[in-house]
């Protein structure tokens, strides 16, 4: 379908099985266990740095400064 190199169907004991494929559940697990926590950690760091620079260093940090 996508022409990926690992999507080969080779006969195993005379039976041709379908190759591996990405599914909706794989995408949900990837977002839930990899992408989601990574984005939340980046958001927490960004908010932390914003308040650190704003209150401690009395300077501007990040995109939120454009809206002040």
N, C-alpha and C. Protein backbone atom coordinates (compact mmCIF):
# COMPACT_ATOMS: atom_id res chain seq x y z
N UNK A 1 0.82 -1.18 0.00
CA UNK A 1 0.00 0.00 0.00
C UNK A 1 0.88 1.26 0.00
N UNK A 2 1.71 1.45 1.01
CA UNK A 2 2.57 2.62 1.08
C UNK A 2 3.93 2.37 0.44
N UNK A 3 4.21 1.14 0.11
CA UNK A 3 5.48 0.82 -0.50
C UNK A 3 6.64 0.83 0.48
N UNK A 4 6.38 0.58 1.74
CA UNK A 4 7.43 0.56 2.74
C UNK A 4 8.28 -0.69 2.57
N UNK A 5 9.58 -0.60 2.82
CA UNK A 5 10.46 -1.74 2.55
C UNK A 5 10.21 -2.95 3.45
N UNK A 6 9.67 -2.75 4.64
CA UNK A 6 9.46 -3.89 5.53
C UNK A 6 8.11 -4.56 5.31
N UNK A 7 7.33 -4.09 4.38
CA UNK A 7 6.01 -4.67 4.13
C UNK A 7 6.10 -5.72 3.02
N UNK A 8 6.91 -6.71 3.24
CA UNK A 8 7.07 -7.78 2.27
C UNK A 8 6.28 -9.00 2.74
N UNK A 9 5.65 -9.62 1.81
CA UNK A 9 4.95 -10.87 2.11
C UNK A 9 5.76 -12.01 1.53
N UNK A 10 6.27 -12.83 2.41
CA UNK A 10 7.03 -13.99 1.96
C UNK A 10 6.31 -15.23 2.46
N UNK A 11 6.36 -16.28 1.66
CA UNK A 11 5.68 -17.51 2.08
C UNK A 11 6.39 -18.17 3.28
N UNK A 12 5.59 -18.56 4.26
CA UNK A 12 6.08 -19.30 5.41
C UNK A 12 5.37 -20.64 5.41
N UNK A 13 6.12 -21.68 5.16
CA UNK A 13 5.59 -23.04 5.03
C UNK A 13 4.45 -23.10 4.02
N UNK A 14 4.62 -22.33 2.94
CA UNK A 14 3.65 -22.37 1.85
C UNK A 14 2.49 -21.40 2.01
N UNK A 15 2.39 -20.70 3.13
CA UNK A 15 1.29 -19.76 3.36
C UNK A 15 1.85 -18.35 3.27
N UNK A 16 1.21 -17.52 2.44
CA UNK A 16 1.64 -16.14 2.30
C UNK A 16 0.84 -15.30 3.29
N UNK A 17 1.51 -14.79 4.30
CA UNK A 17 0.85 -13.99 5.31
C UNK A 17 0.99 -12.52 4.96
N UNK A 18 0.04 -11.73 5.44
CA UNK A 18 0.08 -10.29 5.20
C UNK A 18 1.19 -9.68 6.05
N UNK A 19 1.89 -8.70 5.51
CA UNK A 19 2.98 -8.04 6.22
C UNK A 19 2.45 -7.12 7.32
N UNK A 20 3.34 -6.62 8.15
CA UNK A 20 2.92 -5.72 9.22
C UNK A 20 2.41 -4.40 8.66
N UNK A 21 1.51 -3.76 9.39
CA UNK A 21 0.96 -2.49 8.95
C UNK A 21 0.66 -1.62 10.16
N UNK A 22 0.59 -0.33 9.93
CA UNK A 22 0.23 0.60 10.98
C UNK A 22 -1.28 0.58 11.15
N UNK A 23 -1.73 0.61 12.39
CA UNK A 23 -3.16 0.59 12.66
C UNK A 23 -3.53 1.81 13.49
N UNK A 24 -4.80 2.00 13.70
CA UNK A 24 -5.29 3.09 14.53
C UNK A 24 -4.80 2.92 15.96
N UNK A 25 -4.81 1.69 16.47
CA UNK A 25 -4.36 1.44 17.84
C UNK A 25 -2.88 1.76 17.99
N UNK A 26 -2.09 1.46 16.98
CA UNK A 26 -0.66 1.79 17.05
C UNK A 26 -0.47 3.29 17.13
N UNK A 27 -1.25 4.04 16.36
CA UNK A 27 -1.17 5.50 16.42
C UNK A 27 -1.60 6.04 17.77
N UNK A 28 -2.66 5.47 18.34
CA UNK A 28 -3.13 5.91 19.65
C UNK A 28 -2.11 5.60 20.74
N UNK A 29 -1.53 4.43 20.70
CA UNK A 29 -0.49 4.07 21.68
C UNK A 29 0.73 4.96 21.53
N UNK A 30 1.12 5.26 20.28
CA UNK A 30 2.26 6.15 20.06
C UNK A 30 1.99 7.52 20.65
N UNK A 31 0.80 8.06 20.40
CA UNK A 31 0.49 9.38 20.94
C UNK A 31 0.38 9.32 22.46
N UNK A 32 -0.24 8.29 22.99
CA UNK A 32 -0.46 8.21 24.43
C UNK A 32 0.80 7.94 25.24
N UNK A 33 1.75 7.21 24.69
CA UNK A 33 2.93 6.82 25.46
C UNK A 33 4.22 7.50 25.02
N UNK A 34 4.23 8.14 23.85
CA UNK A 34 5.46 8.77 23.36
C UNK A 34 5.22 10.26 23.11
N UNK A 35 4.37 10.58 22.15
CA UNK A 35 4.20 11.97 21.73
C UNK A 35 3.50 12.81 22.79
N UNK A 36 2.46 12.30 23.40
CA UNK A 36 1.72 13.07 24.41
C UNK A 36 2.57 13.44 25.61
N UNK A 37 3.23 12.49 26.27
CA UNK A 37 4.10 12.87 27.39
C UNK A 37 5.25 13.79 27.00
N UNK A 38 5.81 13.60 25.81
CA UNK A 38 6.88 14.48 25.36
C UNK A 38 6.37 15.91 25.19
N UNK A 39 5.20 16.08 24.58
CA UNK A 39 4.64 17.42 24.40
C UNK A 39 4.27 18.05 25.72
N UNK A 40 3.74 17.27 26.66
CA UNK A 40 3.41 17.81 27.99
C UNK A 40 4.67 18.24 28.74
N UNK A 41 5.73 17.47 28.63
CA UNK A 41 6.99 17.85 29.29
C UNK A 41 7.56 19.13 28.67
N UNK A 42 7.49 19.25 27.35
CA UNK A 42 7.96 20.48 26.69
C UNK A 42 7.10 21.68 27.09
N UNK A 43 5.80 21.48 27.21
CA UNK A 43 4.92 22.57 27.64
C UNK A 43 5.24 23.00 29.06
N UNK A 44 5.46 22.04 29.96
CA UNK A 44 5.80 22.36 31.34
C UNK A 44 7.13 23.11 31.43
N UNK A 45 8.11 22.68 30.66
CA UNK A 45 9.39 23.38 30.64
C UNK A 45 9.24 24.80 30.10
N UNK A 46 8.45 24.97 29.07
CA UNK A 46 8.25 26.29 28.48
C UNK A 46 7.57 27.23 29.47
N UNK A 47 6.55 26.76 30.15
CA UNK A 47 5.87 27.59 31.14
C UNK A 47 6.79 27.89 32.31
N UNK A 48 7.57 26.92 32.75
CA UNK A 48 8.51 27.14 33.83
C UNK A 48 9.57 28.17 33.47
N UNK A 49 10.13 28.07 32.27
CA UNK A 49 11.12 29.04 31.83
C UNK A 49 10.51 30.43 31.67
N UNK A 50 9.26 30.49 31.22
CA UNK A 50 8.60 31.78 31.06
C UNK A 50 8.51 32.50 32.41
N UNK A 51 8.01 31.79 33.44
CA UNK A 51 7.88 32.42 34.75
C UNK A 51 9.24 32.69 35.39
N UNK A 52 10.22 31.84 35.13
CA UNK A 52 11.56 32.07 35.66
C UNK A 52 12.16 33.36 35.07
N UNK A 53 12.08 33.50 33.76
CA UNK A 53 12.64 34.69 33.12
C UNK A 53 11.85 35.94 33.47
N UNK A 54 10.53 35.81 33.58
CA UNK A 54 9.70 36.98 33.85
C UNK A 54 9.89 37.47 35.28
N UNK A 55 9.93 36.57 36.26
CA UNK A 55 9.95 36.97 37.66
C UNK A 55 11.36 37.09 38.24
N UNK A 56 12.28 36.23 37.83
CA UNK A 56 13.62 36.23 38.42
C UNK A 56 14.55 37.16 37.65
N UNK A 57 14.60 37.01 36.33
CA UNK A 57 15.53 37.79 35.52
C UNK A 57 14.94 39.09 35.00
N UNK A 58 13.64 39.27 35.20
CA UNK A 58 12.92 40.47 34.75
C UNK A 58 13.17 40.76 33.27
N UNK A 59 13.08 39.72 32.46
CA UNK A 59 13.24 39.87 31.02
C UNK A 59 12.14 39.08 30.32
N UNK A 60 12.14 39.16 29.02
CA UNK A 60 11.08 38.50 28.24
C UNK A 60 11.59 37.16 27.70
N UNK A 61 10.71 36.19 27.66
CA UNK A 61 11.08 34.87 27.16
C UNK A 61 9.90 34.30 26.38
N UNK A 62 10.13 33.80 25.19
CA UNK A 62 9.14 33.06 24.45
C UNK A 62 8.17 33.91 23.66
N UNK A 63 7.23 33.24 23.07
CA UNK A 63 6.25 33.86 22.20
C UNK A 63 5.24 34.68 23.00
N UNK A 64 5.01 34.33 24.25
CA UNK A 64 4.02 35.05 25.05
C UNK A 64 4.39 36.52 25.24
N UNK A 65 5.63 36.87 25.07
CA UNK A 65 6.06 38.26 25.22
C UNK A 65 5.45 39.15 24.13
N UNK A 66 5.16 38.58 22.97
CA UNK A 66 4.59 39.37 21.90
C UNK A 66 3.17 39.82 22.24
N UNK A 67 2.48 39.13 23.13
CA UNK A 67 1.09 39.43 23.45
C UNK A 67 0.95 40.30 24.68
N UNK A 68 2.04 40.76 25.25
CA UNK A 68 1.95 41.62 26.44
C UNK A 68 1.86 43.06 26.06
